[in-house]
Amino acid sequence: MTDQTTDHNKSAGGLVSDVIAHMSNLVRNEVDLARAEVGESVNRAGVAVGLLAGALVIALVSLNVLAAALVAALTETGLDAGWASLIVGLVLAAIALAMALKGRSDLKLTNLAPSRTTKNVRRDAEALKEASTHDHA
């Protein structure tokens, strides 16, 4: 009878050890996933900041061109130089606007959150909750 009790304790101890090992691996995997997601978010944020910086440079250039176009339009009697500068300035301003809107959109916090990790942690918590209710039943 003591041999059966010892075998039962061994298997229970082994089960507890296995559960702890699986929990440890699960936590380690979730931390690795979170780290990877945060890295991706930081990279996306870096690109977005680059787009915003590019938009600022292009906006400044477009303002210079638009200013030159206004001066040329007022001083010129013909349309050649002034209107050409105006068209170029408007095109650059449109590009700057598109870049700024894209950069701002990429910087929204919902795009930077580690959504896969959050989903996996919720799923794991539900699985643990189910496993514990089955064990108690």
C-alpha atoms as a PDB file:
ATOM      1  CA  MET A   1       0.000   0.000   0.000  1.00  0.00           C
ATOM      2  CA  THR A   2       2.843   2.409   0.762  1.00  0.00           C
ATOM      3  CA  ASP A   3       4.307   1.739  -2.690  1.00  0.00           C
ATOM      4  CA  GLN A   4       1.011   2.835  -4.294  1.00  0.00           C
ATOM      5  CA  THR A   5       0.891   5.943  -2.096  1.00  0.00           C
ATOM      6  CA  THR A   6       4.494   6.829  -3.054  1.00  0.00           C
ATOM      7  CA  ASP A   7       3.698   6.312  -6.765  1.00  0.00           C
ATOM      8  CA  HIS A   8       0.629   8.519  -6.400  1.00  0.00           C
ATOM      9  CA  ASN A   9       2.676  11.266  -4.681  1.00  0.00           C
ATOM     10  CA  LYS A  10       5.340  11.001  -7.379  1.00  0.00           C
ATOM     11  CA  SER A  11       2.802  11.431 -10.115  1.00  0.00           C
ATOM     12  CA  ALA A  12       1.156  14.361  -8.307  1.00  0.00           C
ATOM     13  CA  GLY A  13       4.574  15.932  -7.734  1.00  0.00           C
ATOM     14  CA  GLY A  14       5.446  15.328 -11.362  1.00  0.00           C
ATOM     15  CA  LEU A  15       2.202  16.926 -12.452  1.00  0.00           C
ATOM     16  CA  VAL A  16       2.856  19.984 -10.299  1.00  0.00           C
ATOM     17  CA  SER A  17       6.388  20.186 -11.701  1.00  0.00           C
ATOM     18  CA  ASP A  18       5.042  19.903 -15.250  1.00  0.00           C
ATOM     19  CA  VAL A  19       2.435  22.609 -14.599  1.00  0.00           C
ATOM     20  CA  ILE A  20       5.105  24.945 -13.193  1.00  0.00           C
ATOM     21  CA  ALA A  21       7.386  24.261 -16.170  1.00  0.00           C
ATOM     22  CA  HIS A  22       4.543  24.905 -18.626  1.00  0.00           C
ATOM     23  CA  MET A  23       3.550  28.107 -16.811  1.00  0.00           C
ATOM     24  CA  SER A  24       7.164  29.287 -16.873  1.00  0.00           C
ATOM     25  CA  ASN A  25       7.441  28.580 -20.615  1.00  0.00           C
ATOM     26  CA  LEU A  26       4.101  30.279 -21.232  1.00  0.00           C
ATOM     27  CA  VAL A  27       5.143  33.417 -19.357  1.00  0.00           C
ATOM     28  CA  ARG A  28       8.532  33.455 -21.114  1.00  0.00           C
ATOM     29  CA  ASN A  29       6.855  33.096 -24.523  1.00  0.00           C
ATOM     30  CA  GLU A  30       4.384  35.894 -23.763  1.00  0.00           C
ATOM     31  CA  VAL A  31       7.212  38.184 -22.621  1.00  0.00           C
ATOM     32  CA  ASP A  32       9.137  37.397 -25.830  1.00  0.00           C
ATOM     33  CA  LEU A  33       6.041  38.135 -27.923  1.00  0.00           C
ATOM     34  CA  ALA A  34       5.417  41.397 -26.066  1.00  0.00           C
ATOM     35  CA  ARG A  35       9.058  42.421 -26.570  1.00  0.00           C
ATOM     36  CA  ALA A  36       8.805  41.677 -30.315  1.00  0.00           C
ATOM     37  CA  GLU A  37       5.532  43.598 -30.645  1.00  0.00           C
ATOM     38  CA  VAL A  38       6.906  46.608 -28.791  1.00  0.00           C
ATOM     39  CA  GLY A  39       9.962  46.516 -31.069  1.00  0.00           C
ATOM     40  CA  GLU A  40       7.702  46.520 -34.126  1.00  0.00           C
ATOM     41  CA  SER A  41       5.700  49.414 -32.674  1.00  0.00           C
ATOM     42  CA  VAL A  42       8.865  51.412 -31.987  1.00  0.00           C
ATOM     43  CA  ASN A  43      10.028  50.816 -35.561  1.00  0.00           C
ATOM     44  CA  ARG A  44       6.647  51.956 -36.936  1.00  0.00           C
ATOM     45  CA  ALA A  45       6.771  55.025 -34.692  1.00  0.00           C
ATOM     46  CA  GLY A  46      10.273  55.794 -35.980  1.00  0.00           C
ATOM     47  CA  VAL A  47       9.079  55.625 -39.574  1.00  0.00           C
ATOM     48  CA  ALA A  48       6.086  57.824 -38.681  1.00  0.00           C
ATOM     49  CA  VAL A  49       8.371  60.411 -37.056  1.00  0.00           C
ATOM     50  CA  GLY A  50      10.540  60.292 -40.187  1.00  0.00           C
ATOM     51  CA  LEU A  51       7.471  60.942 -42.330  1.00  0.00           C
ATOM     52  CA  LEU A  52       6.499  63.891 -40.146  1.00  0.00           C
ATOM     53  CA  ALA A  53      10.035  65.317 -40.352  1.00  0.00           C
ATOM     54  CA  GLY A  54       9.983  64.864 -44.148  1.00  0.00           C
ATOM     55  CA  ALA A  55       6.598  66.556 -44.295  1.00  0.00           C
ATOM     56  CA  LEU A  56       7.980  69.505 -42.329  1.00  0.00           C
ATOM     57  CA  VAL A  57      10.947  69.912 -44.685  1.00  0.00           C
ATOM     58  CA  ILE A  58       8.725  69.675 -47.765  1.00  0.00           C
ATOM     59  CA  ALA A  59       6.212  72.084 -46.216  1.00  0.00           C
ATOM     60  CA  LEU A  60       8.982  74.632 -45.642  1.00  0.00           C
ATOM     61  CA  VAL A  61      10.186  74.236 -49.219  1.00  0.00           C
ATOM     62  CA  SER A  62       6.620  74.565 -50.490  1.00  0.00           C
ATOM     63  CA  LEU A  63       6.146  77.748 -48.484  1.00  0.00           C
ATOM     64  CA  ASN A  64       9.298  79.174 -50.080  1.00  0.00           C
ATOM     65  CA  VAL A  65       8.109  78.181 -53.528  1.00  0.00           C
ATOM     66  CA  LEU A  66       4.621  79.544 -52.869  1.00  0.00           C
ATOM     67  CA  ALA A  67       6.093  82.802 -51.629  1.00  0.00           C
ATOM     68  CA  ALA A  68       8.267  83.028 -54.745  1.00  0.00           C
ATOM     69  CA  ALA A  69       5.213  82.230 -56.842  1.00  0.00           C
ATOM     70  CA  LEU A  70       3.215  84.998 -55.229  1.00  0.00           C
ATOM     71  CA  VAL A  71       5.992  87.510 -55.786  1.00  0.00           C
ATOM     72  CA  ALA A  72       6.489  86.338 -59.349  1.00  0.00           C
ATOM     73  CA  ALA A  73       2.744  86.428 -59.994  1.00  0.00           C
ATOM     74  CA  LEU A  74       2.464  89.959 -58.718  1.00  0.00           C
ATOM     75  CA  THR A  75       5.492  91.250 -60.569  1.00  0.00           C
ATOM     76  CA  GLU A  76       5.154  89.373 -63.792  1.00  0.00           C
ATOM     77  CA  THR A  77       2.675  90.385 -66.402  1.00  0.00           C
ATOM     78  CA  GLY A  78       2.886  86.973 -68.080  1.00  0.00           C
ATOM     79  CA  LEU A  79       1.969  83.676 -66.518  1.00  0.00           C
ATOM     80  CA  ASP A  80       5.107  81.657 -67.150  1.00  0.00           C
ATOM     81  CA  ALA A  81       7.353  81.904 -64.055  1.00  0.00           C
ATOM     82  CA  GLY A  82       4.745  82.774 -61.458  1.00  0.00           C
ATOM     83  CA  TRP A  83       2.143  80.198 -62.353  1.00  0.00           C
ATOM     84  CA  ALA A  84       4.747  77.515 -62.801  1.00  0.00           C
ATOM     85  CA  SER A  85       6.093  78.236 -59.308  1.00  0.00           C
ATOM     86  CA  LEU A  86       2.552  78.263 -57.934  1.00  0.00           C
ATOM     87  CA  ILE A  87       1.793  74.847 -59.435  1.00  0.00           C
ATOM     88  CA  VAL A  88       5.014  73.350 -58.054  1.00  0.00           C
ATOM     89  CA  GLY A  89       4.357  74.856 -54.628  1.00  0.00           C
ATOM     90  CA  LEU A  90       0.806  73.467 -54.501  1.00  0.00           C
ATOM     91  CA  VAL A  91       1.975  70.000 -55.514  1.00  0.00           C
ATOM     92  CA  LEU A  92       4.665  70.043 -52.803  1.00  0.00           C
ATOM     93  CA  ALA A  93       2.135  71.243 -50.244  1.00  0.00           C
ATOM     94  CA  ALA A  94      -0.223  68.373 -51.196  1.00  0.00           C
ATOM     95  CA  ILE A  95       2.621  65.854 -50.790  1.00  0.00           C
ATOM     96  CA  ALA A  96       3.519  67.329 -47.395  1.00  0.00           C
ATOM     97  CA  LEU A  97      -0.107  67.104 -46.282  1.00  0.00           C
ATOM     98  CA  ALA A  98      -0.360  63.451 -47.356  1.00  0.00           C
ATOM     99  CA  MET A  99       2.870  62.587 -45.513  1.00  0.00           C
ATOM    100  CA  ALA A 100       1.765  64.418 -42.361  1.00  0.00           C
ATOM    101  CA  LEU A 101      -1.625  62.671 -42.324  1.00  0.00           C
ATOM    102  CA  LYS A 102       0.036  59.266 -42.826  1.00  0.00           C
ATOM    103  CA  GLY A 103       2.575  59.942 -40.065  1.00  0.00           C
ATOM    104  CA  ARG A 104      -0.106  61.102 -37.646  1.00  0.00           C
ATOM    105  CA  SER A 105      -2.218  58.038 -38.429  1.00  0.00           C
ATOM    106  CA  ASP A 106       0.738  55.702 -37.793  1.00  0.00           C
ATOM    107  CA  LEU A 107       1.409  57.324 -34.417  1.00  0.00           C
ATOM    108  CA  LYS A 108      -2.043  56.614 -32.962  1.00  0.00           C
ATOM    109  CA  LEU A 109      -1.694  54.682 -29.700  1.00  0.00           C
ATOM    110  CA  THR A 110      -4.078  51.934 -30.794  1.00  0.00           C
ATOM    111  CA  ASN A 111      -1.644  51.088 -33.604  1.00  0.00           C
ATOM    112  CA  LEU A 112       1.256  50.874 -31.137  1.00  0.00           C
ATOM    113  CA  ALA A 113      -0.353  48.629 -28.503  1.00  0.00           C
ATOM    114  CA  PRO A 114       0.823  44.971 -28.366  1.00  0.00           C
ATOM    115  CA  SER A 115      -2.544  43.538 -29.463  1.00  0.00           C
ATOM    116  CA  ARG A 116      -1.382  39.967 -30.149  1.00  0.00           C
ATOM    117  CA  THR A 117       0.156  39.669 -26.692  1.00  0.00           C
ATOM    118  CA  THR A 118      -2.982  41.024 -25.051  1.00  0.00           C
ATOM    119  CA  LYS A 119      -5.118  38.529 -26.973  1.00  0.00           C
ATOM    120  CA  ASN A 120      -2.811  35.617 -26.083  1.00  0.00           C
ATOM    121  CA  VAL A 121      -2.709  36.530 -22.387  1.00  0.00           C
ATOM    122  CA  ARG A 122      -6.514  36.664 -22.279  1.00  0.00           C
ATOM    123  CA  ARG A 123      -6.713  33.290 -24.039  1.00  0.00           C
ATOM    124  CA  ASP A 124      -4.166  31.774 -21.630  1.00  0.00           C
ATOM    125  CA  ALA A 125      -6.020  33.145 -18.610  1.00  0.00           C
ATOM    126  CA  GLU A 126      -9.263  31.612 -19.884  1.00  0.00           C
ATOM    127  CA  ALA A 127      -7.534  28.259 -20.439  1.00  0.00           C
ATOM    128  CA  LEU A 128      -6.099  28.323 -16.909  1.00  0.00           C
ATOM    129  CA  LYS A 129      -9.494  29.246 -15.496  1.00  0.00           C
ATOM    130  CA  GLU A 130     -11.102  26.355 -17.376  1.00  0.00           C
ATOM    131  CA  ALA A 131      -8.383  23.931 -16.271  1.00  0.00           C
ATOM    132  CA  SER A 132      -8.789  24.944 -12.641  1.00  0.00           C
ATOM    133  CA  THR A 133     -12.587  24.549 -12.758  1.00  0.00           C
ATOM    134  CA  HIS A 134     -12.212  21.067 -14.304  1.00  0.00           C
ATOM    135  CA  ASP A 135      -9.689  20.084 -11.614  1.00  0.00           C
ATOM    136  CA  HIS A 136     -12.046  21.179  -8.822  1.00  0.00           C
ATOM    137  CA  ALA A 137     -15.055  19.446 -10.345  1.00  0.00           C
END
